[in-house]
N, C-alpha and C. Protein backbone atom coordinates (compact mmCIF):
# COMPACT_ATOMS: atom_id res chain seq x y z
N UNK A 1 33.28 -5.71 8.42
CA UNK A 1 32.35 -4.84 9.10
C UNK A 1 32.78 -3.39 8.88
N UNK A 2 31.82 -2.50 8.77
CA UNK A 2 32.09 -1.09 8.55
C UNK A 2 32.22 -0.38 9.89
N UNK A 3 33.30 0.36 10.03
CA UNK A 3 33.49 1.15 11.24
C UNK A 3 32.63 2.39 11.20
N UNK A 4 32.26 2.87 12.38
CA UNK A 4 31.46 4.10 12.45
C UNK A 4 32.19 5.29 11.84
N UNK A 5 33.51 5.28 11.91
CA UNK A 5 34.29 6.39 11.37
C UNK A 5 34.30 6.41 9.84
N UNK A 6 33.95 5.30 9.21
CA UNK A 6 33.96 5.21 7.75
C UNK A 6 32.78 5.94 7.10
N UNK A 7 31.73 6.17 7.87
CA UNK A 7 30.54 6.84 7.34
C UNK A 7 30.30 8.09 8.17
N UNK A 8 30.81 9.21 7.69
CA UNK A 8 30.65 10.46 8.48
C UNK A 8 29.23 11.01 8.37
N UNK A 9 28.37 10.63 9.29
CA UNK A 9 26.97 11.07 9.25
C UNK A 9 26.83 12.57 9.45
N UNK A 10 27.78 13.19 10.11
CA UNK A 10 27.67 14.63 10.32
C UNK A 10 27.83 15.40 9.01
N UNK A 11 28.38 14.77 7.98
CA UNK A 11 28.50 15.42 6.67
C UNK A 11 27.24 15.29 5.83
N UNK A 12 26.35 14.40 6.23
CA UNK A 12 25.13 14.17 5.46
C UNK A 12 24.11 15.26 5.79
N UNK A 13 23.33 15.68 4.78
CA UNK A 13 22.33 16.72 5.05
C UNK A 13 21.20 16.19 5.93
N UNK A 14 20.61 17.08 6.67
CA UNK A 14 19.46 16.77 7.50
C UNK A 14 18.28 16.38 6.60
N UNK A 15 17.49 15.39 7.00
CA UNK A 15 16.38 14.93 6.18
C UNK A 15 15.38 16.05 5.90
N UNK A 16 15.01 16.80 6.94
CA UNK A 16 14.02 17.87 6.76
C UNK A 16 14.53 18.93 5.78
N UNK A 17 15.83 19.25 5.87
CA UNK A 17 16.41 20.23 4.96
C UNK A 17 16.43 19.68 3.53
N UNK A 18 16.75 18.42 3.39
CA UNK A 18 16.74 17.79 2.06
C UNK A 18 15.34 17.82 1.45
N UNK A 19 14.34 17.51 2.23
CA UNK A 19 12.96 17.52 1.72
C UNK A 19 12.50 18.95 1.43
N UNK A 20 12.98 19.93 2.21
CA UNK A 20 12.65 21.32 1.95
C UNK A 20 13.21 21.75 0.60
N UNK A 21 14.43 21.36 0.33
CA UNK A 21 15.06 21.70 -0.95
C UNK A 21 14.35 21.00 -2.10
N UNK A 22 13.97 19.75 -1.88
CA UNK A 22 13.23 19.03 -2.91
C UNK A 22 11.86 19.68 -3.14
N UNK A 23 11.24 20.15 -2.07
CA UNK A 23 9.96 20.86 -2.19
C UNK A 23 10.11 22.10 -3.05
N UNK A 24 11.21 22.82 -2.85
CA UNK A 24 11.46 24.01 -3.68
C UNK A 24 11.68 23.61 -5.13
N UNK A 25 12.41 22.54 -5.34
CA UNK A 25 12.67 22.08 -6.70
C UNK A 25 11.37 21.72 -7.42
N UNK A 26 10.47 21.04 -6.73
CA UNK A 26 9.20 20.62 -7.32
C UNK A 26 8.12 21.69 -7.19
N UNK A 27 8.47 22.82 -6.57
CA UNK A 27 7.56 23.96 -6.45
C UNK A 27 6.26 23.58 -5.74
N UNK A 28 6.37 22.80 -4.67
CA UNK A 28 5.19 22.35 -3.94
C UNK A 28 4.58 23.43 -3.06
N UNK A 29 5.22 24.59 -2.99
CA UNK A 29 4.65 25.68 -2.20
C UNK A 29 3.24 26.03 -2.70
N UNK A 30 2.96 25.71 -3.96
CA UNK A 30 1.64 26.02 -4.53
C UNK A 30 0.52 25.24 -3.87
N UNK A 31 0.82 24.07 -3.30
CA UNK A 31 -0.22 23.23 -2.69
C UNK A 31 -0.04 23.07 -1.19
N UNK A 32 0.96 23.75 -0.63
CA UNK A 32 1.25 23.58 0.80
C UNK A 32 0.17 24.23 1.65
N UNK A 33 -0.10 23.63 2.79
CA UNK A 33 -1.12 24.16 3.70
C UNK A 33 -0.59 25.33 4.52
N UNK A 34 0.73 25.54 4.52
CA UNK A 34 1.28 26.67 5.26
C UNK A 34 1.23 27.93 4.39
N UNK A 35 0.58 28.95 4.91
CA UNK A 35 0.45 30.20 4.16
C UNK A 35 1.80 30.83 3.86
N UNK A 36 2.75 30.67 4.78
CA UNK A 36 4.07 31.28 4.58
C UNK A 36 4.77 30.70 3.36
N UNK A 37 4.57 29.44 3.10
CA UNK A 37 5.18 28.82 1.92
C UNK A 37 4.58 29.40 0.64
N UNK A 38 3.28 29.53 0.61
CA UNK A 38 2.61 30.11 -0.56
C UNK A 38 3.03 31.56 -0.76
N UNK A 39 3.08 32.31 0.32
CA UNK A 39 3.41 33.74 0.24
C UNK A 39 4.85 33.94 -0.24
N UNK A 40 5.78 33.13 0.24
CA UNK A 40 7.19 33.28 -0.12
C UNK A 40 7.58 32.49 -1.36
N UNK A 41 6.65 31.73 -1.90
CA UNK A 41 6.89 30.88 -3.06
C UNK A 41 8.11 29.98 -2.86
N UNK A 42 8.21 29.48 -1.64
CA UNK A 42 9.32 28.62 -1.27
C UNK A 42 8.95 27.87 0.01
N UNK A 43 9.43 26.66 0.13
CA UNK A 43 9.16 25.88 1.33
C UNK A 43 9.82 26.54 2.53
N UNK A 44 9.06 26.72 3.59
CA UNK A 44 9.58 27.33 4.81
C UNK A 44 10.04 26.29 5.81
N UNK A 45 10.02 25.04 5.41
CA UNK A 45 10.56 23.96 6.23
C UNK A 45 9.62 23.51 7.32
N UNK A 46 10.21 22.91 8.31
CA UNK A 46 9.44 22.33 9.39
C UNK A 46 9.59 20.82 9.38
N UNK A 47 8.96 20.16 10.31
CA UNK A 47 9.05 18.72 10.40
C UNK A 47 8.41 18.11 9.17
N UNK A 48 9.17 17.41 8.40
CA UNK A 48 8.58 16.71 7.27
C UNK A 48 9.14 17.05 5.92
N UNK A 49 8.98 18.17 5.35
CA UNK A 49 8.11 19.32 5.65
C UNK A 49 6.63 18.97 5.50
N UNK A 50 5.74 19.83 5.94
CA UNK A 50 4.31 19.51 5.96
C UNK A 50 3.75 19.07 4.60
N UNK A 51 4.18 19.72 3.52
CA UNK A 51 3.63 19.33 2.21
C UNK A 51 4.02 17.91 1.85
N UNK A 52 5.22 17.47 2.25
CA UNK A 52 5.63 16.09 1.97
C UNK A 52 4.82 15.12 2.82
N UNK A 53 4.67 15.41 4.10
CA UNK A 53 3.91 14.51 4.96
C UNK A 53 2.45 14.43 4.55
N UNK A 54 1.91 15.54 4.05
CA UNK A 54 0.50 15.59 3.68
C UNK A 54 0.24 14.90 2.35
N UNK A 55 1.14 15.06 1.39
CA UNK A 55 0.88 14.54 0.04
C UNK A 55 2.13 13.89 -0.55
N UNK A 56 2.56 12.80 0.04
CA UNK A 56 3.78 12.12 -0.40
C UNK A 56 3.70 11.66 -1.85
N UNK A 57 2.53 11.30 -2.29
CA UNK A 57 2.39 10.80 -3.66
C UNK A 57 2.79 11.85 -4.69
N UNK A 58 2.64 13.14 -4.36
CA UNK A 58 3.02 14.18 -5.31
C UNK A 58 4.52 14.18 -5.58
N UNK A 59 5.31 13.88 -4.58
CA UNK A 59 6.76 13.81 -4.77
C UNK A 59 7.12 12.63 -5.67
N UNK A 60 6.50 11.50 -5.42
CA UNK A 60 6.76 10.32 -6.26
C UNK A 60 6.28 10.55 -7.68
N UNK A 61 5.10 11.13 -7.85
CA UNK A 61 4.57 11.42 -9.19
C UNK A 61 5.44 12.44 -9.92
N UNK A 62 5.95 13.41 -9.17
CA UNK A 62 6.80 14.43 -9.80
C UNK A 62 8.05 13.79 -10.38
N UNK A 63 8.63 12.87 -9.65
CA UNK A 63 9.82 12.20 -10.15
C UNK A 63 9.48 11.25 -11.29
N UNK A 64 8.38 10.56 -11.17
CA UNK A 64 8.03 9.56 -12.17
C UNK A 64 7.51 10.17 -13.47
N UNK A 65 6.66 11.19 -13.37
CA UNK A 65 5.97 11.68 -14.57
C UNK A 65 6.36 13.08 -15.02
N UNK A 66 6.77 13.93 -14.11
CA UNK A 66 6.89 15.35 -14.43
C UNK A 66 8.32 15.87 -14.42
N UNK A 67 9.31 15.01 -14.33
CA UNK A 67 10.68 15.47 -14.20
C UNK A 67 11.13 16.29 -15.40
N UNK A 68 10.71 15.92 -16.59
CA UNK A 68 11.09 16.69 -17.78
C UNK A 68 10.54 18.12 -17.73
N UNK A 69 9.31 18.28 -17.22
CA UNK A 69 8.73 19.62 -17.09
C UNK A 69 9.51 20.46 -16.08
N UNK A 70 9.90 19.83 -14.97
CA UNK A 70 10.68 20.56 -13.97
C UNK A 70 12.04 20.94 -14.53
N UNK A 71 12.66 20.04 -15.26
CA UNK A 71 13.96 20.36 -15.89
C UNK A 71 13.82 21.56 -16.82
N UNK A 72 12.77 21.55 -17.65
CA UNK A 72 12.56 22.67 -18.59
C UNK A 72 12.32 23.97 -17.83
N UNK A 73 11.53 23.93 -16.76
CA UNK A 73 11.26 25.13 -15.98
C UNK A 73 12.55 25.70 -15.41
N UNK A 74 13.37 24.86 -14.77
CA UNK A 74 14.59 25.36 -14.15
C UNK A 74 15.65 25.72 -15.18
N UNK A 75 15.65 25.07 -16.33
CA UNK A 75 16.56 25.45 -17.41
C UNK A 75 16.22 26.87 -17.87
N UNK A 76 14.92 27.16 -18.00
CA UNK A 76 14.48 28.50 -18.40
C UNK A 76 14.84 29.53 -17.32
N UNK A 77 14.69 29.16 -16.07
CA UNK A 77 15.04 30.07 -14.97
C UNK A 77 16.54 30.40 -14.99
N UNK A 78 17.38 29.39 -15.23
CA UNK A 78 18.82 29.63 -15.30
C UNK A 78 19.17 30.53 -16.49
N UNK A 79 18.50 30.30 -17.62
CA UNK A 79 18.75 31.12 -18.81
C UNK A 79 18.37 32.57 -18.54
N UNK A 80 17.24 32.79 -17.91
CA UNK A 80 16.81 34.15 -17.58
C UNK A 80 17.78 34.83 -16.62
N UNK A 81 18.28 34.06 -15.68
CA UNK A 81 19.22 34.62 -14.70
C UNK A 81 20.52 35.03 -15.40
N UNK A 82 20.97 34.26 -16.35
CA UNK A 82 22.18 34.62 -17.09
C UNK A 82 21.98 35.87 -17.92
N UNK A 83 20.78 36.05 -18.48
CA UNK A 83 20.50 37.20 -19.33
C UNK A 83 20.18 38.47 -18.56
N UNK A 84 19.81 38.32 -17.31
CA UNK A 84 19.44 39.49 -16.50
C UNK A 84 20.69 40.33 -16.22
N UNK A 85 20.53 41.66 -16.21
CA UNK A 85 21.68 42.53 -15.93
C UNK A 85 22.18 42.30 -14.50
N UNK A 86 23.45 42.40 -14.34
CA UNK A 86 24.06 42.20 -13.03
C UNK A 86 23.68 43.34 -12.10
N UNK A 87 23.44 43.02 -10.84
CA UNK A 87 23.04 44.03 -9.85
C UNK A 87 24.13 44.23 -8.80
N UNK A 88 25.36 44.25 -9.23
CA UNK A 88 26.46 44.43 -8.29
C UNK A 88 26.78 45.91 -8.14
N UNK A 89 27.28 46.25 -6.98
CA UNK A 89 27.67 47.65 -6.71
C UNK A 89 29.07 47.89 -7.23
N UNK A 90 29.31 49.09 -7.65
CA UNK A 90 30.66 49.46 -8.11
C UNK A 90 31.43 50.13 -7.02
């Protein structure tokens, strides 16, 4: 039997936060019903988050069919970030 101390649940991320991060990864702010998400181009969270609760199939389809496109998008974003001049203060 597994002891409760063997699985530190306090170290695990919150479900809503995990789904918010996944929403950002899949860029679902474009279809979210919350205006703040569209305006900030990022999931603003909440219970669910709302875009996941409203359109769960999009998350499954994104993983099943569109993962290569998302990888290419974020690969390009990382490349651009590396090429951008540093904005640190001297």
